[in-house]
Amino acid sequence: MAERSKPEDLEGRSAVASYVASLSADLASLARRNGLDTVGYLLEMVRLEAESVSRPNGRP
């Protein structure tokens, strides 16, 4: 896993969204490796939404 900021160090919508995207990507991978395909899929949707929000103007 990549090193990331601690949750208490995050400020602002974009920073939090980036953090959520990173965490959800790791969790999706973990879920899929352990046969939790639906959970992995849902976490991937979380990642995509969080990445979208973290971009300027919230656009892809």
N, C-alpha and C. Protein backbone atom coordinates (compact mmCIF):
# COMPACT_ATOMS: atom_id res chain seq x y z
N MET A 1 0.83 -1.18 0.00
CA MET A 1 0.00 0.00 0.00
C MET A 1 0.88 1.25 0.00
N ALA A 2 0.41 2.24 -0.71
CA ALA A 2 1.15 3.50 -0.77
C ALA A 2 0.99 4.26 0.54
N GLU A 3 2.02 5.03 0.86
CA GLU A 3 1.95 5.86 2.06
C GLU A 3 0.99 7.01 1.80
N ARG A 4 0.14 7.31 2.77
CA ARG A 4 -0.82 8.39 2.61
C ARG A 4 -0.92 9.20 3.89
N SER A 5 -1.53 10.35 3.77
CA SER A 5 -1.72 11.22 4.93
C SER A 5 -2.60 10.54 5.96
N LYS A 6 -2.45 10.97 7.19
CA LYS A 6 -3.34 10.49 8.24
C LYS A 6 -4.66 11.25 8.11
N PRO A 7 -5.78 10.60 8.43
CA PRO A 7 -7.08 11.27 8.29
C PRO A 7 -7.16 12.60 9.03
N GLU A 8 -6.55 12.67 10.19
CA GLU A 8 -6.63 13.91 10.97
C GLU A 8 -5.83 15.05 10.35
N ASP A 9 -4.94 14.75 9.40
CA ASP A 9 -4.14 15.78 8.73
C ASP A 9 -4.82 16.34 7.49
N LEU A 10 -5.94 15.77 7.10
CA LEU A 10 -6.60 16.17 5.86
C LEU A 10 -7.50 17.38 6.07
N GLU A 11 -7.45 18.29 5.12
CA GLU A 11 -8.34 19.44 5.13
C GLU A 11 -8.88 19.64 3.74
N GLY A 12 -10.12 19.93 3.65
CA GLY A 12 -10.72 20.25 2.37
C GLY A 12 -11.32 19.05 1.66
N ARG A 13 -12.31 19.36 0.89
CA ARG A 13 -13.08 18.36 0.14
C ARG A 13 -12.20 17.53 -0.80
N SER A 14 -11.34 18.18 -1.56
CA SER A 14 -10.50 17.48 -2.53
C SER A 14 -9.52 16.52 -1.85
N ALA A 15 -8.90 16.96 -0.78
CA ALA A 15 -7.94 16.11 -0.06
C ALA A 15 -8.63 14.89 0.54
N VAL A 16 -9.79 15.10 1.11
CA VAL A 16 -10.53 13.98 1.70
C VAL A 16 -10.98 13.01 0.61
N ALA A 17 -11.45 13.54 -0.51
CA ALA A 17 -11.88 12.69 -1.62
C ALA A 17 -10.71 11.86 -2.15
N SER A 18 -9.54 12.46 -2.26
CA SER A 18 -8.36 11.72 -2.72
C SER A 18 -8.00 10.60 -1.75
N TYR A 19 -8.10 10.89 -0.47
CA TYR A 19 -7.82 9.89 0.57
C TYR A 19 -8.82 8.73 0.48
N VAL A 20 -10.09 9.06 0.33
CA VAL A 20 -11.13 8.04 0.20
C VAL A 20 -10.89 7.19 -1.05
N ALA A 21 -10.50 7.84 -2.15
CA ALA A 21 -10.22 7.11 -3.39
C ALA A 21 -9.09 6.10 -3.18
N SER A 22 -8.05 6.54 -2.52
CA SER A 22 -6.90 5.67 -2.28
C SER A 22 -7.27 4.49 -1.38
N LEU A 23 -7.97 4.77 -0.30
CA LEU A 23 -8.38 3.70 0.61
C LEU A 23 -9.33 2.72 -0.06
N SER A 24 -10.30 3.24 -0.79
CA SER A 24 -11.28 2.35 -1.41
C SER A 24 -10.65 1.48 -2.49
N ALA A 25 -9.63 1.99 -3.19
CA ALA A 25 -8.92 1.17 -4.18
C ALA A 25 -8.23 -0.01 -3.49
N ASP A 26 -7.57 0.27 -2.38
CA ASP A 26 -6.90 -0.80 -1.64
C ASP A 26 -7.91 -1.82 -1.09
N LEU A 27 -9.01 -1.32 -0.56
CA LEU A 27 -10.03 -2.22 -0.01
C LEU A 27 -10.70 -3.04 -1.10
N ALA A 28 -10.93 -2.45 -2.27
CA ALA A 28 -11.53 -3.19 -3.39
C ALA A 28 -10.64 -4.34 -3.81
N SER A 29 -9.35 -4.07 -3.89
CA SER A 29 -8.39 -5.11 -4.26
C SER A 29 -8.39 -6.23 -3.22
N LEU A 30 -8.37 -5.88 -1.97
CA LEU A 30 -8.40 -6.87 -0.89
C LEU A 30 -9.67 -7.71 -0.95
N ALA A 31 -10.80 -7.05 -1.14
CA ALA A 31 -12.08 -7.76 -1.21
C ALA A 31 -12.10 -8.75 -2.36
N ARG A 32 -11.66 -8.32 -3.53
CA ARG A 32 -11.69 -9.21 -4.70
C ARG A 32 -10.74 -10.39 -4.54
N ARG A 33 -9.57 -10.15 -3.96
CA ARG A 33 -8.62 -11.25 -3.73
C ARG A 33 -9.20 -12.32 -2.81
N ASN A 34 -10.18 -11.94 -2.03
CA ASN A 34 -10.76 -12.87 -1.07
C ASN A 34 -12.19 -13.28 -1.42
N GLY A 35 -12.52 -13.14 -2.70
CA GLY A 35 -13.79 -13.65 -3.19
C GLY A 35 -15.00 -12.79 -2.89
N LEU A 36 -14.79 -11.57 -2.46
CA LEU A 36 -15.90 -10.67 -2.17
C LEU A 36 -16.12 -9.74 -3.36
N ASP A 37 -16.57 -10.33 -4.47
CA ASP A 37 -16.65 -9.60 -5.72
C ASP A 37 -17.63 -8.42 -5.68
N THR A 38 -18.78 -8.60 -5.06
CA THR A 38 -19.75 -7.51 -4.99
C THR A 38 -19.21 -6.37 -4.14
N VAL A 39 -18.59 -6.69 -3.04
CA VAL A 39 -17.98 -5.66 -2.19
C VAL A 39 -16.88 -4.95 -2.96
N GLY A 40 -16.06 -5.70 -3.69
CA GLY A 40 -15.02 -5.11 -4.52
C GLY A 40 -15.58 -4.16 -5.55
N TYR A 41 -16.67 -4.56 -6.19
CA TYR A 41 -17.33 -3.72 -7.18
C TYR A 41 -17.83 -2.42 -6.55
N LEU A 42 -18.50 -2.54 -5.43
CA LEU A 42 -19.03 -1.34 -4.76
C LEU A 42 -17.91 -0.40 -4.34
N LEU A 43 -16.82 -0.94 -3.83
CA LEU A 43 -15.69 -0.11 -3.44
C LEU A 43 -15.05 0.55 -4.65
N GLU A 44 -15.06 -0.11 -5.79
CA GLU A 44 -14.55 0.49 -7.02
C GLU A 44 -15.43 1.67 -7.44
N MET A 45 -16.74 1.56 -7.25
CA MET A 45 -17.64 2.68 -7.54
C MET A 45 -17.34 3.85 -6.60
N VAL A 46 -17.06 3.55 -5.35
CA VAL A 46 -16.67 4.59 -4.38
C VAL A 46 -15.40 5.28 -4.87
N ARG A 47 -14.42 4.50 -5.31
CA ARG A 47 -13.17 5.08 -5.81
C ARG A 47 -13.40 6.01 -6.98
N LEU A 48 -14.20 5.58 -7.93
CA LEU A 48 -14.47 6.41 -9.11
C LEU A 48 -15.16 7.72 -8.74
N GLU A 49 -16.13 7.65 -7.85
CA GLU A 49 -16.82 8.86 -7.42
C GLU A 49 -15.88 9.79 -6.66
N ALA A 50 -15.09 9.23 -5.77
CA ALA A 50 -14.15 10.05 -4.99
C ALA A 50 -13.11 10.70 -5.90
N GLU A 51 -12.62 9.97 -6.90
CA GLU A 51 -11.66 10.57 -7.84
C GLU A 51 -12.31 11.70 -8.61
N SER A 52 -13.56 11.53 -8.98
CA SER A 52 -14.27 12.58 -9.70
C SER A 52 -14.40 13.84 -8.85
N VAL A 53 -14.74 13.66 -7.59
CA VAL A 53 -14.91 14.79 -6.67
C VAL A 53 -13.57 15.48 -6.40
N SER A 54 -12.49 14.72 -6.40
CA SER A 54 -11.18 15.30 -6.06
C SER A 54 -10.60 16.15 -7.19
N ARG A 55 -11.14 16.02 -8.40
CA ARG A 55 -10.64 16.82 -9.53
C ARG A 55 -11.18 18.24 -9.45
N PRO A 56 -10.46 19.19 -10.04
CA PRO A 56 -10.97 20.57 -10.08
C PRO A 56 -12.36 20.60 -10.70
N ASN A 57 -13.25 21.33 -10.08
CA ASN A 57 -14.65 21.44 -10.52
C ASN A 57 -15.42 20.13 -10.43
N GLY A 58 -14.83 19.11 -9.81
CA GLY A 58 -15.50 17.82 -9.65
C GLY A 58 -15.82 17.14 -10.95
N ARG A 59 -15.01 17.38 -11.98
CA ARG A 59 -15.27 16.81 -13.31
C ARG A 59 -14.22 15.78 -13.68
N PRO A 60 -14.62 14.80 -14.48
CA PRO A 60 -13.66 13.79 -14.96
C PRO A 60 -12.62 14.38 -15.89
